[in-house]
N, C-alpha and C. Protein backbone atom coordinates (compact mmCIF):
# COMPACT_ATOMS: atom_id res chain seq x y z
N UNK A 1 8.45 -16.02 69.48
CA UNK A 1 9.73 -15.39 69.70
C UNK A 1 10.54 -15.37 68.40
N UNK A 2 10.67 -16.53 67.71
CA UNK A 2 11.39 -16.56 66.44
C UNK A 2 10.43 -16.64 65.24
N UNK A 3 9.23 -17.16 65.48
CA UNK A 3 8.25 -17.32 64.42
C UNK A 3 7.89 -15.97 63.84
N UNK A 4 7.92 -15.90 62.54
CA UNK A 4 7.61 -14.70 61.76
C UNK A 4 8.70 -13.64 61.78
N UNK A 5 9.80 -13.89 62.46
CA UNK A 5 10.95 -12.98 62.37
C UNK A 5 12.19 -13.75 61.90
N UNK A 6 12.51 -14.84 62.56
CA UNK A 6 13.66 -15.67 62.21
C UNK A 6 13.27 -16.74 61.18
N UNK A 7 12.04 -17.23 61.29
CA UNK A 7 11.53 -18.22 60.34
C UNK A 7 10.03 -18.06 60.20
N UNK A 8 9.50 -18.60 59.11
CA UNK A 8 8.05 -18.63 58.94
C UNK A 8 7.63 -20.02 58.47
N UNK A 9 6.43 -20.39 58.86
CA UNK A 9 5.87 -21.68 58.46
C UNK A 9 5.21 -21.50 57.10
N UNK A 10 5.63 -22.33 56.15
CA UNK A 10 5.07 -22.27 54.80
C UNK A 10 3.89 -23.21 54.63
N UNK A 11 4.01 -24.41 55.21
CA UNK A 11 2.93 -25.39 55.08
C UNK A 11 3.05 -26.45 56.17
N UNK A 12 1.93 -27.08 56.42
CA UNK A 12 1.86 -28.18 57.39
C UNK A 12 1.02 -29.28 56.76
N UNK A 13 1.53 -30.51 56.81
CA UNK A 13 0.76 -31.63 56.27
C UNK A 13 0.90 -32.85 57.17
N UNK A 14 -0.11 -33.66 57.15
CA UNK A 14 -0.14 -34.89 57.95
C UNK A 14 0.16 -36.06 57.03
N UNK A 15 1.14 -36.87 57.39
CA UNK A 15 1.51 -38.06 56.61
C UNK A 15 1.57 -39.25 57.57
N UNK A 16 0.72 -40.20 57.39
CA UNK A 16 0.65 -41.40 58.22
C UNK A 16 0.94 -41.13 59.68
N UNK A 17 2.16 -41.38 60.13
CA UNK A 17 2.49 -41.28 61.56
C UNK A 17 3.23 -40.00 61.92
N UNK A 18 3.29 -39.05 60.99
CA UNK A 18 4.05 -37.83 61.29
C UNK A 18 3.37 -36.61 60.71
N UNK A 19 3.76 -35.46 61.24
CA UNK A 19 3.36 -34.16 60.70
C UNK A 19 4.61 -33.55 60.09
N UNK A 20 4.47 -33.04 58.88
CA UNK A 20 5.59 -32.45 58.16
C UNK A 20 5.33 -30.95 58.04
N UNK A 21 6.28 -30.17 58.54
CA UNK A 21 6.15 -28.71 58.53
C UNK A 21 7.28 -28.14 57.67
N UNK A 22 6.91 -27.39 56.66
CA UNK A 22 7.89 -26.72 55.80
C UNK A 22 8.09 -25.31 56.34
N UNK A 23 9.35 -24.93 56.54
CA UNK A 23 9.65 -23.60 57.05
C UNK A 23 10.67 -22.91 56.14
N UNK A 24 10.66 -21.59 56.22
CA UNK A 24 11.65 -20.79 55.50
C UNK A 24 12.39 -19.93 56.51
N UNK A 25 13.70 -19.98 56.47
CA UNK A 25 14.53 -19.15 57.33
C UNK A 25 14.66 -17.76 56.72
N UNK A 26 14.67 -16.75 57.57
CA UNK A 26 14.93 -15.38 57.14
C UNK A 26 16.45 -15.23 57.05
N UNK A 27 16.98 -15.34 55.84
CA UNK A 27 18.43 -15.38 55.68
C UNK A 27 19.14 -14.06 55.98
N UNK A 28 18.39 -12.97 56.12
CA UNK A 28 18.98 -11.68 56.45
C UNK A 28 18.74 -11.28 57.90
N UNK A 29 18.37 -12.22 58.75
CA UNK A 29 18.08 -11.92 60.16
C UNK A 29 19.35 -11.39 60.85
N UNK A 30 19.14 -10.50 61.80
CA UNK A 30 20.27 -9.85 62.51
C UNK A 30 21.15 -10.84 63.27
N UNK A 31 20.61 -12.00 63.64
CA UNK A 31 21.41 -12.96 64.42
C UNK A 31 22.67 -13.37 63.67
N UNK A 32 22.60 -13.36 62.33
CA UNK A 32 23.75 -13.80 61.54
C UNK A 32 24.87 -12.77 61.50
N UNK A 33 24.59 -11.56 61.95
CA UNK A 33 25.66 -10.56 62.04
C UNK A 33 26.71 -10.97 63.08
N UNK A 34 26.28 -11.74 64.06
CA UNK A 34 27.22 -12.21 65.08
C UNK A 34 27.49 -13.70 65.00
N UNK A 35 26.79 -14.40 64.13
CA UNK A 35 26.88 -15.87 64.07
C UNK A 35 26.82 -16.34 62.63
N UNK A 36 27.64 -16.14 61.80
CA UNK A 36 28.92 -15.44 61.83
C UNK A 36 28.99 -14.54 60.61
N UNK A 37 29.53 -13.35 60.72
CA UNK A 37 29.58 -12.42 59.58
C UNK A 37 30.27 -13.04 58.37
N UNK A 38 29.59 -13.01 57.23
CA UNK A 38 30.16 -13.56 56.00
C UNK A 38 30.01 -15.06 55.88
N UNK A 39 29.71 -15.75 56.95
CA UNK A 39 29.52 -17.21 56.93
C UNK A 39 28.42 -17.56 57.93
N UNK A 40 27.17 -17.21 57.61
CA UNK A 40 26.09 -17.39 58.58
C UNK A 40 25.82 -18.85 58.91
N UNK A 41 25.56 -19.10 60.19
CA UNK A 41 25.24 -20.43 60.70
C UNK A 41 24.05 -20.29 61.63
N UNK A 42 23.05 -21.14 61.46
CA UNK A 42 21.90 -21.13 62.37
C UNK A 42 22.36 -21.73 63.70
N UNK A 43 22.27 -20.98 64.79
CA UNK A 43 22.66 -21.52 66.09
C UNK A 43 21.78 -22.72 66.47
N UNK A 44 22.39 -23.70 67.10
CA UNK A 44 21.65 -24.90 67.51
C UNK A 44 20.48 -24.57 68.41
N UNK A 45 20.65 -23.60 69.30
CA UNK A 45 19.57 -23.21 70.20
C UNK A 45 18.39 -22.66 69.41
N UNK A 46 18.64 -22.03 68.28
CA UNK A 46 17.54 -21.52 67.44
C UNK A 46 16.79 -22.67 66.77
N UNK A 47 17.49 -23.73 66.38
CA UNK A 47 16.81 -24.90 65.83
C UNK A 47 15.87 -25.51 66.87
N UNK A 48 16.34 -25.60 68.10
CA UNK A 48 15.52 -26.17 69.18
C UNK A 48 14.33 -25.25 69.47
N UNK A 49 14.54 -23.95 69.49
CA UNK A 49 13.44 -23.01 69.70
C UNK A 49 12.44 -23.08 68.55
N UNK A 50 12.91 -23.25 67.33
CA UNK A 50 12.01 -23.41 66.19
C UNK A 50 11.11 -24.62 66.40
N UNK A 51 11.70 -25.72 66.86
CA UNK A 51 10.93 -26.93 67.11
C UNK A 51 9.85 -26.65 68.15
N UNK A 52 10.23 -26.00 69.22
CA UNK A 52 9.26 -25.68 70.27
C UNK A 52 8.10 -24.85 69.71
N UNK A 53 8.42 -23.83 68.94
CA UNK A 53 7.38 -22.95 68.40
C UNK A 53 6.51 -23.66 67.37
N UNK A 54 7.09 -24.56 66.59
CA UNK A 54 6.30 -25.35 65.65
C UNK A 54 5.32 -26.25 66.41
N UNK A 55 5.79 -26.90 67.46
CA UNK A 55 4.91 -27.76 68.25
C UNK A 55 3.81 -26.93 68.92
N UNK A 56 4.15 -25.76 69.40
CA UNK A 56 3.12 -24.88 69.99
C UNK A 56 2.04 -24.54 68.96
N UNK A 57 2.44 -24.27 67.73
CA UNK A 57 1.47 -24.00 66.67
C UNK A 57 0.61 -25.23 66.40
N UNK A 58 1.22 -26.40 66.36
CA UNK A 58 0.48 -27.64 66.11
C UNK A 58 -0.48 -27.96 67.24
N UNK A 59 -0.06 -27.69 68.48
CA UNK A 59 -0.87 -28.02 69.64
C UNK A 59 -1.85 -26.89 70.02
N UNK A 60 -1.62 -25.70 69.52
CA UNK A 60 -2.48 -24.57 69.82
C UNK A 60 -2.38 -24.08 71.25
N UNK A 61 -1.18 -24.23 71.84
CA UNK A 61 -0.97 -23.77 73.21
C UNK A 61 0.52 -23.53 73.46
N UNK A 62 0.81 -22.70 74.47
CA UNK A 62 2.20 -22.46 74.87
C UNK A 62 2.70 -23.69 75.62
N UNK A 63 3.94 -24.05 75.36
CA UNK A 63 4.52 -25.25 75.96
C UNK A 63 5.87 -24.93 76.58
N UNK A 64 6.24 -25.76 77.52
CA UNK A 64 7.55 -25.69 78.16
C UNK A 64 8.33 -26.94 77.75
N UNK A 65 9.55 -26.76 77.30
CA UNK A 65 10.42 -27.89 76.98
C UNK A 65 10.93 -28.47 78.29
N UNK A 66 10.59 -29.72 78.56
CA UNK A 66 10.97 -30.34 79.83
C UNK A 66 12.25 -31.18 79.71
N UNK A 67 12.41 -31.84 78.58
CA UNK A 67 13.59 -32.68 78.38
C UNK A 67 13.85 -32.81 76.89
N UNK A 68 15.12 -32.83 76.53
CA UNK A 68 15.53 -33.04 75.14
C UNK A 68 16.57 -34.15 75.15
N UNK A 69 16.11 -35.34 74.89
CA UNK A 69 16.99 -36.51 74.91
C UNK A 69 17.53 -36.78 73.50
N UNK A 70 18.69 -37.34 73.46
CA UNK A 70 19.27 -37.78 72.19
C UNK A 70 19.28 -36.68 71.14
N UNK A 71 19.64 -35.48 71.53
CA UNK A 71 19.74 -34.36 70.59
C UNK A 71 21.06 -34.51 69.82
N UNK A 72 20.94 -34.60 68.49
CA UNK A 72 22.12 -34.78 67.65
C UNK A 72 22.12 -33.72 66.55
N UNK A 73 23.15 -32.88 66.56
CA UNK A 73 23.36 -31.91 65.51
C UNK A 73 24.27 -32.58 64.49
N UNK A 74 23.74 -32.86 63.30
CA UNK A 74 24.46 -33.67 62.33
C UNK A 74 25.17 -32.86 61.25
N UNK A 75 24.64 -31.67 60.95
CA UNK A 75 25.24 -30.79 59.95
C UNK A 75 24.95 -29.35 60.35
N UNK A 76 25.71 -28.44 59.78
CA UNK A 76 25.53 -27.01 60.03
C UNK A 76 24.53 -26.47 59.02
N UNK A 77 23.56 -25.67 59.50
CA UNK A 77 22.59 -25.03 58.61
C UNK A 77 23.13 -23.65 58.23
N UNK A 78 23.39 -23.48 56.95
CA UNK A 78 23.77 -22.18 56.41
C UNK A 78 22.53 -21.62 55.72
N UNK A 79 21.95 -20.53 56.22
CA UNK A 79 20.70 -20.02 55.65
C UNK A 79 20.83 -19.50 54.21
N UNK A 80 22.04 -19.27 53.76
CA UNK A 80 22.23 -18.81 52.38
C UNK A 80 22.10 -19.95 51.39
N UNK A 81 22.39 -21.16 51.83
CA UNK A 81 22.31 -22.32 50.94
C UNK A 81 21.16 -23.26 51.29
N UNK A 82 20.65 -23.18 52.50
CA UNK A 82 19.57 -24.06 52.95
C UNK A 82 18.57 -23.26 53.77
N UNK A 83 17.83 -22.38 53.12
CA UNK A 83 16.88 -21.58 53.90
C UNK A 83 15.47 -22.17 53.91
N UNK A 84 15.23 -23.26 53.18
CA UNK A 84 13.97 -23.99 53.24
C UNK A 84 14.22 -25.32 53.94
N UNK A 85 13.57 -25.51 55.08
CA UNK A 85 13.78 -26.72 55.88
C UNK A 85 12.45 -27.44 56.10
N UNK A 86 12.58 -28.73 56.34
CA UNK A 86 11.44 -29.57 56.70
C UNK A 86 11.64 -30.05 58.12
N UNK A 87 10.61 -29.87 58.94
CA UNK A 87 10.63 -30.37 60.31
C UNK A 87 9.60 -31.49 60.39
N UNK A 88 10.08 -32.70 60.66
CA UNK A 88 9.19 -33.85 60.82
C UNK A 88 8.93 -34.04 62.31
N UNK A 89 7.66 -34.15 62.65
CA UNK A 89 7.24 -34.30 64.04
C UNK A 89 6.49 -35.62 64.16
N UNK A 90 6.98 -36.50 65.04
CA UNK A 90 6.31 -37.78 65.29
C UNK A 90 5.98 -37.90 66.76
N UNK A 91 4.76 -38.36 67.05
CA UNK A 91 4.41 -38.67 68.44
C UNK A 91 5.20 -39.89 68.88
N UNK A 92 5.48 -39.96 70.16
CA UNK A 92 6.15 -41.13 70.72
C UNK A 92 5.10 -41.92 71.52
N UNK A 93 4.44 -42.87 70.88
CA UNK A 93 3.30 -43.55 71.50
C UNK A 93 3.64 -44.36 72.76
N UNK A 94 4.87 -44.74 72.94
CA UNK A 94 5.24 -45.52 74.13
C UNK A 94 5.45 -44.64 75.35
N UNK A 95 5.47 -43.33 75.14
CA UNK A 95 5.65 -42.41 76.26
C UNK A 95 4.32 -42.18 76.96
N UNK A 96 4.37 -42.00 78.27
CA UNK A 96 3.17 -41.67 79.03
C UNK A 96 2.77 -40.22 78.82
N UNK A 97 3.71 -39.40 78.36
CA UNK A 97 3.46 -37.97 78.12
C UNK A 97 2.85 -37.79 76.73
N UNK A 98 1.64 -37.24 76.63
CA UNK A 98 1.05 -37.02 75.30
C UNK A 98 1.77 -35.93 74.51
N UNK A 99 2.65 -35.19 75.16
CA UNK A 99 3.42 -34.15 74.50
C UNK A 99 4.88 -34.58 74.34
N UNK A 100 5.08 -35.84 74.03
CA UNK A 100 6.41 -36.40 73.76
C UNK A 100 6.53 -36.65 72.26
N UNK A 101 7.59 -36.12 71.67
CA UNK A 101 7.75 -36.20 70.22
C UNK A 101 9.19 -36.51 69.85
N UNK A 102 9.36 -36.98 68.62
CA UNK A 102 10.69 -37.07 68.03
C UNK A 102 10.68 -36.17 66.79
N UNK A 103 11.85 -35.61 66.47
CA UNK A 103 11.96 -34.61 65.41
C UNK A 103 13.14 -34.91 64.51
N UNK A 104 12.98 -34.54 63.26
CA UNK A 104 14.08 -34.53 62.30
C UNK A 104 13.97 -33.23 61.51
N UNK A 105 15.08 -32.51 61.40
CA UNK A 105 15.13 -31.32 60.54
C UNK A 105 16.05 -31.64 59.37
N UNK A 106 15.53 -31.43 58.17
CA UNK A 106 16.25 -31.75 56.94
C UNK A 106 15.94 -30.70 55.88
N UNK A 107 16.71 -30.72 54.81
CA UNK A 107 16.38 -29.89 53.66
C UNK A 107 16.14 -30.75 52.43
N UNK A 108 16.02 -32.05 52.62
CA UNK A 108 15.84 -32.97 51.51
C UNK A 108 17.14 -33.61 51.05
N UNK A 109 18.25 -32.93 51.31
CA UNK A 109 19.56 -33.47 50.99
C UNK A 109 20.28 -33.93 52.25
N UNK A 110 20.31 -33.02 53.22
CA UNK A 110 21.04 -33.26 54.46
C UNK A 110 20.09 -33.28 55.64
N UNK A 111 20.44 -34.07 56.64
CA UNK A 111 19.74 -34.05 57.91
C UNK A 111 20.58 -33.20 58.86
N UNK A 112 19.93 -32.22 59.50
CA UNK A 112 20.64 -31.28 60.36
C UNK A 112 20.51 -31.60 61.83
N UNK A 113 19.36 -32.11 62.23
CA UNK A 113 19.13 -32.34 63.65
C UNK A 113 18.17 -33.50 63.82
N UNK A 114 18.44 -34.32 64.83
CA UNK A 114 17.51 -35.35 65.29
C UNK A 114 17.38 -35.16 66.80
N UNK A 115 16.15 -35.24 67.28
CA UNK A 115 15.93 -34.99 68.71
C UNK A 115 14.66 -35.67 69.17
N UNK A 116 14.69 -36.10 70.43
CA UNK A 116 13.48 -36.54 71.13
C UNK A 116 13.26 -35.55 72.25
N UNK A 117 12.01 -35.13 72.42
CA UNK A 117 11.75 -34.10 73.42
C UNK A 117 10.40 -34.33 74.11
N UNK A 118 10.35 -33.89 75.35
CA UNK A 118 9.12 -33.91 76.14
C UNK A 118 8.75 -32.48 76.50
N UNK A 119 7.49 -32.16 76.31
CA UNK A 119 6.97 -30.83 76.63
C UNK A 119 5.88 -30.96 77.68
N UNK A 120 5.56 -29.83 78.31
CA UNK A 120 4.42 -29.76 79.22
C UNK A 120 3.71 -28.44 78.98
N UNK A 121 2.45 -28.38 79.36
CA UNK A 121 1.68 -27.14 79.25
C UNK A 121 2.11 -26.20 80.36
N UNK A 122 1.91 -24.89 80.14
CA UNK A 122 2.17 -23.91 81.18
C UNK A 122 1.05 -23.93 82.17
């Protein structure tokens, strides 16, 4: 839905207990015409959808977001100044759900979002 139009995956790497996904935001996407003209801001719902689509790519299947616990929006993402983001994906081994993860979105300077989420297959 947003992959390859709103954002694209540049690279994926495995580091010890996490997967690190580098993404690039399309800073000229039409969504910024309404959110907000002259001062673009990535909507929080788009960050969550990006996470879902990244996990779907990692898992190789369509997923349904079942729960998003402890979702914290810590800073505003302006695609003109921060269009390269890192999404860190960690499994939550204490969860009974094998599709339970924790996420951090950052640009190396600022952390924009922290979230724990549970997914299920369709």
